[in-house]
Amino acid sequence: MFFVWRGFGWAVPVIAVASFVLVLIMAQSALGDDYTGQKEWMSFLAVAVGAGLIAALGYFLNYKKRKIFVDQETGKIEKSDSHTLFFIPIEFWAVIIPVLFIWMQSVSAENDAKYRAYLETPAVGDLYSVDYTKIFEGADDEFKYGVAKVTSLTADTVDVILADVSYNKKSGVRKDISKEKPSKDGYFSNETAVFTRVELSDYLESGAIYSISRD
């Protein structure tokens, strides 16, 4: 796949994913019940380990082992092609991957803070993207993602109505919300549910509610 990678460029995502998974598995095994509280730091450590391995591989392949030869006609000194991923030398991914990870963590933290604020002050019309299997017993394990819309509020509870359609991927829910389908007639069923505000907070923590949209 020349246009995706050259040489051992394919090893970058393999090393990044493998090191991340292995470090987290080892951390969970070593820390046991304390793992959840240390998961964020372990994630950073896993990314750092992967970046170090990628940097070492890039240095070895693109510097230590890179062939240098002289063009017999021009006398010009040239080097063999470097090992790249998306035309970027392997060693540069040792910086790119941590930067992307930190950016993603920052975006995730901002969204979490926004969603918590929404749950603290819920409003009629709020759309909760939910995983039904983490809320309702007997929910379909395959088509488990859907939308719940806030219809009314009390001091302690939130009433919602559930969408008439569910998906096997979160992308289906995202597309519906981006296309404003929940605002159209017939999108929601007659099925309703009542949650306490404490329950909603717990659902956000567990990932049962993984996104909240508000106009």
C-alpha atoms as a PDB file:
ATOM      1  CA  MET A   1       0.000   0.000   0.000  1.00  0.00           C
ATOM      2  CA  PHE A   2       2.397   2.653  -1.283  1.00  0.00           C
ATOM      3  CA  PHE A   3      -0.026   5.528  -0.848  1.00  0.00           C
ATOM      4  CA  VAL A   4      -0.700   4.604   2.786  1.00  0.00           C
ATOM      5  CA  TRP A   5       2.687   3.424   3.950  1.00  0.00           C
ATOM      6  CA  ARG A   6       6.170   2.722   2.651  1.00  0.00           C
ATOM      7  CA  GLY A   7       8.406   0.017   4.075  1.00  0.00           C
ATOM      8  CA  PHE A   8       7.579  -0.634   7.716  1.00  0.00           C
ATOM      9  CA  GLY A   9       5.224   2.342   8.004  1.00  0.00           C
ATOM     10  CA  TRP A  10       2.404  -0.125   8.681  1.00  0.00           C
ATOM     11  CA  ALA A  11       4.037  -0.902  12.033  1.00  0.00           C
ATOM     12  CA  VAL A  12       3.104   2.515  13.484  1.00  0.00           C
ATOM     13  CA  PRO A  13      -0.594   1.807  14.168  1.00  0.00           C
ATOM     14  CA  VAL A  14       0.208  -1.773  15.156  1.00  0.00           C
ATOM     15  CA  ILE A  15       2.717  -0.629  17.796  1.00  0.00           C
ATOM     16  CA  ALA A  16       0.450   2.186  18.998  1.00  0.00           C
ATOM     17  CA  VAL A  17      -2.591  -0.064  19.509  1.00  0.00           C
ATOM     18  CA  ALA A  18      -0.659  -3.064  20.852  1.00  0.00           C
ATOM     19  CA  SER A  19       1.302  -1.040  23.404  1.00  0.00           C
ATOM     20  CA  PHE A  20      -1.851   0.775  24.556  1.00  0.00           C
ATOM     21  CA  VAL A  21      -3.776  -2.452  25.077  1.00  0.00           C
ATOM     22  CA  LEU A  22      -0.906  -4.335  26.712  1.00  0.00           C
ATOM     23  CA  VAL A  23      -0.023  -1.549  29.148  1.00  0.00           C
ATOM     24  CA  LEU A  24      -3.660  -1.157  30.234  1.00  0.00           C
ATOM     25  CA  ILE A  25      -4.087  -4.913  30.652  1.00  0.00           C
ATOM     26  CA  MET A  26      -0.921  -5.103  32.751  1.00  0.00           C
ATOM     27  CA  ALA A  27      -1.995  -2.092  34.809  1.00  0.00           C
ATOM     28  CA  GLN A  28      -5.430  -3.564  35.461  1.00  0.00           C
ATOM     29  CA  SER A  29      -3.867  -6.853  36.489  1.00  0.00           C
ATOM     30  CA  ALA A  30      -1.405  -5.152  38.835  1.00  0.00           C
ATOM     31  CA  LEU A  31      -3.721  -2.528  40.356  1.00  0.00           C
ATOM     32  CA  GLY A  32      -6.913  -4.539  40.619  1.00  0.00           C
ATOM     33  CA  ASP A  33      -9.708  -2.474  42.182  1.00  0.00           C
ATOM     34  CA  ASP A  34      -7.544   0.664  42.107  1.00  0.00           C
ATOM     35  CA  TYR A  35      -7.264   0.493  38.306  1.00  0.00           C
ATOM     36  CA  THR A  36     -10.318   2.665  37.561  1.00  0.00           C
ATOM     37  CA  GLY A  37      -8.968   5.588  39.551  1.00  0.00           C
ATOM     38  CA  GLN A  38      -5.600   5.379  37.787  1.00  0.00           C
ATOM     39  CA  LYS A  39      -6.930   4.670  34.283  1.00  0.00           C
ATOM     40  CA  GLU A  40      -6.320   8.174  32.931  1.00  0.00           C
ATOM     41  CA  TRP A  41      -2.673   8.166  33.997  1.00  0.00           C
ATOM     42  CA  MET A  42      -2.244   4.626  32.701  1.00  0.00           C
ATOM     43  CA  SER A  43      -3.592   5.739  29.333  1.00  0.00           C
ATOM     44  CA  PHE A  44      -0.974   8.483  29.133  1.00  0.00           C
ATOM     45  CA  LEU A  45       1.705   5.989  30.115  1.00  0.00           C
ATOM     46  CA  ALA A  46       0.524   3.582  27.414  1.00  0.00           C
ATOM     47  CA  VAL A  47       0.711   6.304  24.771  1.00  0.00           C
ATOM     48  CA  ALA A  48       4.185   7.299  25.981  1.00  0.00           C
ATOM     49  CA  VAL A  49       5.391   3.691  25.737  1.00  0.00           C
ATOM     50  CA  GLY A  50       4.008   3.373  22.218  1.00  0.00           C
ATOM     51  CA  ALA A  51       5.578   6.679  21.189  1.00  0.00           C
ATOM     52  CA  GLY A  52       8.948   5.578  22.551  1.00  0.00           C
ATOM     53  CA  LEU A  53       8.834   2.315  20.607  1.00  0.00           C
ATOM     54  CA  ILE A  54       7.807   4.113  17.416  1.00  0.00           C
ATOM     55  CA  ALA A  55      10.609   6.650  17.845  1.00  0.00           C
ATOM     56  CA  ALA A  56      13.131   3.852  18.345  1.00  0.00           C
ATOM     57  CA  LEU A  57      11.882   2.001  15.269  1.00  0.00           C
ATOM     58  CA  GLY A  58      11.998   5.161  13.162  1.00  0.00           C
ATOM     59  CA  TYR A  59      15.526   5.965  14.282  1.00  0.00           C
ATOM     60  CA  PHE A  60      16.695   2.436  13.592  1.00  0.00           C
ATOM     61  CA  LEU A  61      15.123   2.155  10.128  1.00  0.00           C
ATOM     62  CA  ASN A  62      15.431   5.697   8.830  1.00  0.00           C
ATOM     63  CA  TYR A  63      18.834   6.598  10.280  1.00  0.00           C
ATOM     64  CA  LYS A  64      20.864   3.617  11.432  1.00  0.00           C
ATOM     65  CA  LYS A  65      19.843   1.206   8.669  1.00  0.00           C
ATOM     66  CA  ARG A  66      18.978   3.579   5.834  1.00  0.00           C
ATOM     67  CA  LYS A  67      21.104   2.881   2.786  1.00  0.00           C
ATOM     68  CA  ILE A  68      23.305   5.598   1.340  1.00  0.00           C
ATOM     69  CA  PHE A  69      24.697   5.313  -2.178  1.00  0.00           C
ATOM     70  CA  VAL A  70      26.422   7.417  -4.820  1.00  0.00           C
ATOM     71  CA  ASP A  71      24.899   7.973  -8.246  1.00  0.00           C
ATOM     72  CA  GLN A  72      27.537   6.734 -10.648  1.00  0.00           C
ATOM     73  CA  GLU A  73      26.589   9.271 -13.336  1.00  0.00           C
ATOM     74  CA  THR A  74      26.256  12.420 -11.262  1.00  0.00           C
ATOM     75  CA  GLY A  75      28.342  11.534  -8.221  1.00  0.00           C
ATOM     76  CA  LYS A  76      25.470  12.748  -6.063  1.00  0.00           C
ATOM     77  CA  ILE A  77      25.040  11.092  -2.668  1.00  0.00           C
ATOM     78  CA  GLU A  78      21.512   9.762  -2.248  1.00  0.00           C
ATOM     79  CA  LYS A  79      19.556   7.828   0.365  1.00  0.00           C
ATOM     80  CA  SER A  80      17.095   5.010  -0.004  1.00  0.00           C
ATOM     81  CA  ASP A  81      13.407   5.757   0.570  1.00  0.00           C
ATOM     82  CA  SER A  82      12.492   6.278   4.191  1.00  0.00           C
ATOM     83  CA  HIS A  83       9.855   4.209   5.983  1.00  0.00           C
ATOM     84  CA  THR A  84       6.698   6.306   6.156  1.00  0.00           C
ATOM     85  CA  LEU A  85       3.014   6.316   7.043  1.00  0.00           C
ATOM     86  CA  PHE A  86       0.899   8.724   4.995  1.00  0.00           C
ATOM     87  CA  PHE A  87       4.166  10.131   3.605  1.00  0.00           C
ATOM     88  CA  ILE A  88       5.344  11.020   7.132  1.00  0.00           C
ATOM     89  CA  PRO A  89       8.538   9.303   8.390  1.00  0.00           C
ATOM     90  CA  ILE A  90       7.909   6.805  11.161  1.00  0.00           C
ATOM     91  CA  GLU A  91       9.789   8.728  13.837  1.00  0.00           C
ATOM     92  CA  PHE A  92       7.574  11.815  13.474  1.00  0.00           C
ATOM     93  CA  TRP A  93       4.566   9.740  14.492  1.00  0.00           C
ATOM     94  CA  ALA A  94       6.171   9.452  17.925  1.00  0.00           C
ATOM     95  CA  VAL A  95       5.205  13.120  18.352  1.00  0.00           C
ATOM     96  CA  ILE A  96       2.005  13.187  16.302  1.00  0.00           C
ATOM     97  CA  ILE A  97       0.289  10.354  18.182  1.00  0.00           C
ATOM     98  CA  PRO A  98       0.724  11.853  21.704  1.00  0.00           C
ATOM     99  CA  VAL A  99      -0.403  15.262  20.420  1.00  0.00           C
ATOM    100  CA  LEU A 100      -3.532  13.713  18.890  1.00  0.00           C
ATOM    101  CA  PHE A 101      -4.186  11.761  22.084  1.00  0.00           C
ATOM    102  CA  ILE A 102      -3.894  14.861  24.279  1.00  0.00           C
ATOM    103  CA  TRP A 103      -6.195  16.782  21.935  1.00  0.00           C
ATOM    104  CA  MET A 104      -8.781  13.988  22.021  1.00  0.00           C
ATOM    105  CA  GLN A 105      -8.588  13.849  25.822  1.00  0.00           C
ATOM    106  CA  SER A 106      -9.118  17.599  25.975  1.00  0.00           C
ATOM    107  CA  VAL A 107     -12.175  17.434  23.714  1.00  0.00           C
ATOM    108  CA  SER A 108     -13.565  14.534  25.748  1.00  0.00           C
ATOM    109  CA  ALA A 109     -13.092  16.439  29.009  1.00  0.00           C
ATOM    110  CA  GLU A 110     -14.851  19.500  27.591  1.00  0.00           C
ATOM    111  CA  ASN A 111     -17.782  17.381  26.432  1.00  0.00           C
ATOM    112  CA  ASP A 112     -18.019  15.627  29.802  1.00  0.00           C
ATOM    113  CA  ALA A 113     -18.154  18.976  31.580  1.00  0.00           C
ATOM    114  CA  LYS A 114     -20.838  20.222  29.198  1.00  0.00           C
ATOM    115  CA  TYR A 115     -22.947  17.086  29.598  1.00  0.00           C
ATOM    116  CA  ARG A 116     -22.699  17.263  33.391  1.00  0.00           C
ATOM    117  CA  ALA A 117     -23.912  20.850  33.255  1.00  0.00           C
ATOM    118  CA  TYR A 118     -26.856  19.795  31.092  1.00  0.00           C
ATOM    119  CA  LEU A 119     -27.818  17.074  33.590  1.00  0.00           C
ATOM    120  CA  GLU A 120     -27.583  19.498  36.502  1.00  0.00           C
ATOM    121  CA  THR A 121     -30.042  21.821  34.739  1.00  0.00           C
ATOM    122  CA  PRO A 122     -32.070  19.589  32.399  1.00  0.00           C
ATOM    123  CA  ALA A 123     -34.430  21.197  29.898  1.00  0.00           C
ATOM    124  CA  VAL A 124     -37.433  19.986  27.969  1.00  0.00           C
ATOM    125  CA  GLY A 125     -36.264  19.031  24.481  1.00  0.00           C
ATOM    126  CA  ASP A 126     -32.828  17.762  25.533  1.00  0.00           C
ATOM    127  CA  LEU A 127     -31.788  14.752  23.458  1.00  0.00           C
ATOM    128  CA  TYR A 128     -29.916  11.936  25.200  1.00  0.00           C
ATOM    129  CA  SER A 129     -27.958   9.514  23.025  1.00  0.00           C
ATOM    130  CA  VAL A 130     -28.241   6.270  24.945  1.00  0.00           C
ATOM    131  CA  ASP A 131     -27.153   2.656  25.087  1.00  0.00           C
ATOM    132  CA  TYR A 132     -30.401   0.879  25.957  1.00  0.00           C
ATOM    133  CA  THR A 133     -28.644  -2.252  27.210  1.00  0.00           C
ATOM    134  CA  LYS A 134     -27.097  -0.267  30.064  1.00  0.00           C
ATOM    135  CA  ILE A 135     -30.485   1.078  31.160  1.00  0.00           C
ATOM    136  CA  PHE A 136     -33.203  -1.429  30.377  1.00  0.00           C
ATOM    137  CA  GLU A 137     -33.166  -5.140  31.111  1.00  0.00           C
ATOM    138  CA  GLY A 138     -33.874  -7.256  28.049  1.00  0.00           C
ATOM    139  CA  ALA A 139     -32.909  -4.538  25.577  1.00  0.00           C
ATOM    140  CA  ASP A 140     -31.761  -5.706  22.145  1.00  0.00           C
ATOM    141  CA  ASP A 141     -28.004  -6.339  22.301  1.00  0.00           C
ATOM    142  CA  GLU A 142     -27.590  -5.713  18.578  1.00  0.00           C
ATOM    143  CA  PHE A 143     -29.700  -2.608  17.986  1.00  0.00           C
ATOM    144  CA  LYS A 144     -28.933  -0.932  21.274  1.00  0.00           C
ATOM    145  CA  TYR A 145     -28.319   2.736  20.437  1.00  0.00           C
ATOM    146  CA  GLY A 146     -31.098   5.278  20.310  1.00  0.00           C
ATOM    147  CA  VAL A 147     -32.413   8.681  21.370  1.00  0.00           C
ATOM    148  CA  ALA A 148     -34.381   9.699  24.460  1.00  0.00           C
ATOM    149  CA  LYS A 149     -36.025  13.123  24.523  1.00  0.00           C
ATOM    150  CA  VAL A 150     -36.858  15.033  27.701  1.00  0.00           C
ATOM    151  CA  THR A 151     -40.579  15.806  27.779  1.00  0.00           C
ATOM    152  CA  SER A 152     -41.168  17.050  31.319  1.00  0.00           C
ATOM    153  CA  LEU A 153     -39.390  17.739  34.602  1.00  0.00           C
ATOM    154  CA  THR A 154     -39.963  17.734  38.333  1.00  0.00           C
ATOM    155  CA  ALA A 155     -37.621  18.750  41.116  1.00  0.00           C
ATOM    156  CA  ASP A 156     -36.209  15.217  41.300  1.00  0.00           C
ATOM    157  CA  THR A 157     -37.166  13.403  38.104  1.00  0.00           C
ATOM    158  CA  VAL A 158     -36.892  13.679  34.344  1.00  0.00           C
ATOM    159  CA  ASP A 159     -39.487  12.197  31.985  1.00  0.00           C
ATOM    160  CA  VAL A 160     -38.308  11.058  28.564  1.00  0.00           C
ATOM    161  CA  ILE A 161     -39.834   9.559  25.454  1.00  0.00           C
ATOM    162  CA  LEU A 162     -37.905   6.955  23.467  1.00  0.00           C
ATOM    163  CA  ALA A 163     -37.210   6.943  19.748  1.00  0.00           C
ATOM    164  CA  ASP A 164     -39.100   4.508  17.545  1.00  0.00           C
ATOM    165  CA  VAL A 165     -35.860   3.497  15.821  1.00  0.00           C
ATOM    166  CA  SER A 166     -32.614   2.083  17.199  1.00  0.00           C
ATOM    167  CA  TYR A 167     -29.233   1.326  15.670  1.00  0.00           C
ATOM    168  CA  ASN A 168     -26.392  -1.150  15.959  1.00  0.00           C
ATOM    169  CA  LYS A 169     -23.837   1.684  15.823  1.00  0.00           C
ATOM    170  CA  LYS A 170     -23.566   5.059  17.504  1.00  0.00           C
ATOM    171  CA  SER A 171     -23.093   6.685  14.105  1.00  0.00           C
ATOM    172  CA  GLY A 172     -26.775   6.042  13.310  1.00  0.00           C
ATOM    173  CA  VAL A 173     -27.847   8.156  16.263  1.00  0.00           C
ATOM    174  CA  ARG A 174     -25.347  10.903  15.415  1.00  0.00           C
ATOM    175  CA  LYS A 175     -26.628  11.105  11.842  1.00  0.00           C
ATOM    176  CA  ASP A 176     -30.250  11.338  12.973  1.00  0.00           C
ATOM    177  CA  ILE A 177     -29.475  14.194  15.350  1.00  0.00           C
ATOM    178  CA  SER A 178     -27.292  16.027  12.822  1.00  0.00           C
ATOM    179  CA  LYS A 179     -30.112  15.776  10.256  1.00  0.00           C
ATOM    180  CA  GLU A 180     -32.639  16.947  12.902  1.00  0.00           C
ATOM    181  CA  LYS A 181     -34.769  13.819  12.472  1.00  0.00           C
ATOM    182  CA  PRO A 182     -35.848  13.818  16.170  1.00  0.00           C
ATOM    183  CA  SER A 183     -37.761  17.048  15.491  1.00  0.00           C
ATOM    184  CA  LYS A 184     -39.954  15.352  12.864  1.00  0.00           C
ATOM    185  CA  ASP A 185     -43.319  13.767  13.553  1.00  0.00           C
ATOM    186  CA  GLY A 186     -43.286  10.027  14.079  1.00  0.00           C
ATOM    187  CA  TYR A 187     -39.666   9.784  15.155  1.00  0.00           C
ATOM    188  CA  PHE A 188     -40.539   8.920  18.763  1.00  0.00           C
ATOM    189  CA  SER A 189     -42.675   6.033  19.965  1.00  0.00           C
ATOM    190  CA  ASN A 190     -45.247   6.101  22.747  1.00  0.00           C
ATOM    191  CA  GLU A 191     -42.770   4.421  25.093  1.00  0.00           C
ATOM    192  CA  THR A 192     -41.738   6.620  28.004  1.00  0.00           C
ATOM    193  CA  ALA A 193     -39.445   6.364  31.002  1.00  0.00           C
ATOM    194  CA  VAL A 194     -38.902   8.300  34.201  1.00  0.00           C
ATOM    195  CA  PHE A 195     -35.436   8.741  35.703  1.00  0.00           C
ATOM    196  CA  THR A 196     -34.223  10.450  38.820  1.00  0.00           C
ATOM    197  CA  ARG A 197     -31.526  13.037  38.345  1.00  0.00           C
ATOM    198  CA  VAL A 198     -29.163  10.845  40.331  1.00  0.00           C
ATOM    199  CA  GLU A 199     -29.833   7.981  37.920  1.00  0.00           C
ATOM    200  CA  LEU A 200     -29.076  10.211  34.940  1.00  0.00           C
ATOM    201  CA  SER A 201     -25.762  11.214  36.489  1.00  0.00           C
ATOM    202  CA  ASP A 202     -24.915   7.541  37.024  1.00  0.00           C
ATOM    203  CA  TYR A 203     -25.874   6.772  33.421  1.00  0.00           C
ATOM    204  CA  LEU A 204     -23.458   9.416  32.190  1.00  0.00           C
ATOM    205  CA  GLU A 205     -20.685   7.908  34.308  1.00  0.00           C
ATOM    206  CA  SER A 206     -21.358   4.398  33.003  1.00  0.00           C
ATOM    207  CA  GLY A 207     -21.668   5.446  29.359  1.00  0.00           C
ATOM    208  CA  ALA A 208     -25.364   4.564  29.195  1.00  0.00           C
ATOM    209  CA  ILE A 209     -25.817   8.211  28.205  1.00  0.00           C
ATOM    210  CA  TYR A 210     -22.863   9.030  25.972  1.00  0.00           C
ATOM    211  CA  SER A 211     -23.941  12.313  24.399  1.00  0.00           C
ATOM    212  CA  ILE A 212     -26.424  15.121  25.096  1.00  0.00           C
ATOM    213  CA  SER A 213     -27.730  17.598  22.536  1.00  0.00           C
ATOM    214  CA  ARG A 214     -29.497  20.853  23.326  1.00  0.00           C
ATOM    215  CA  ASP A 215     -30.790  23.465  20.905  1.00  0.00           C
END
